[in-house]
């Protein structure tokens, strides 16, 4: 599998896990926000790698 696809999948999984964690705890903590920020950055880097390779 290409690196950019892995990066996007990992970002999507992090967002899903962060959302599940927030729902279970019924609050959004600083750690949940950090997970979302890291996930968005990972997806952005994956899309950047895809664009650069074409």
Protein backbone atom coordinates (compact mmCIF):
# COMPACT_ATOMS: atom_id res chain seq x y z
CA UNK A 1 0.00 0.00 0.00
CA UNK A 2 1.23 3.47 -0.80
CA UNK A 3 2.45 5.71 2.02
CA UNK A 4 -0.09 8.45 1.39
CA UNK A 5 -2.97 5.96 1.66
CA UNK A 6 -1.63 4.66 4.97
CA UNK A 7 -1.39 8.19 6.28
CA UNK A 8 -5.00 8.97 5.36
CA UNK A 9 -6.26 5.70 6.88
CA UNK A 10 -4.39 6.31 10.13
CA UNK A 11 -5.80 9.83 10.31
CA UNK A 12 -9.34 8.55 9.75
CA UNK A 13 -8.90 5.88 12.43
CA UNK A 14 -7.57 8.47 14.88
CA UNK A 15 -10.60 10.70 14.26
CA UNK A 16 -12.95 7.76 14.79
CA UNK A 17 -11.22 6.71 18.01
CA UNK A 18 -11.17 10.29 19.28
CA UNK A 19 -14.90 10.62 18.60
CA UNK A 20 -15.65 7.32 20.36
CA UNK A 21 -13.51 8.37 23.33
CA UNK A 22 -15.31 11.73 23.54
CA UNK A 23 -18.73 10.04 23.39
CA UNK A 24 -17.83 7.51 26.08
CA UNK A 25 -16.47 10.19 28.44
CA UNK A 26 -19.27 12.64 27.49
CA UNK A 27 -16.78 15.50 27.32
CA UNK A 28 -14.03 16.80 25.11
CA UNK A 29 -10.72 17.11 26.92
CA UNK A 30 -7.47 18.61 25.75
CA UNK A 31 -6.25 15.09 24.87
CA UNK A 32 -9.22 14.50 22.57
CA UNK A 33 -8.55 17.82 20.86
CA UNK A 34 -4.89 16.85 20.41
CA UNK A 35 -5.94 13.54 18.84
CA UNK A 36 -8.14 15.42 16.36
CA UNK A 37 -5.33 17.87 15.52
CA UNK A 38 -2.84 15.05 14.94
CA UNK A 39 -5.35 13.16 12.80
CA UNK A 40 -6.08 16.20 10.64
CA UNK A 41 -2.35 16.85 10.23
CA UNK A 42 -1.80 13.21 9.23
CA UNK A 43 -4.55 13.37 6.61
CA UNK A 44 -3.17 16.65 5.28
CA UNK A 45 0.32 15.16 4.96
CA UNK A 46 -1.11 12.14 3.15
CA UNK A 47 -2.91 14.36 0.66
CA UNK A 48 0.23 16.44 0.21
CA UNK A 49 2.27 13.31 -0.52
CA UNK A 50 -0.34 12.18 -3.05
CA UNK A 51 -0.28 15.54 -4.81
CA UNK A 52 3.53 15.62 -4.86
CA UNK A 53 3.82 12.13 -6.41
CA UNK A 54 1.52 12.85 -9.36
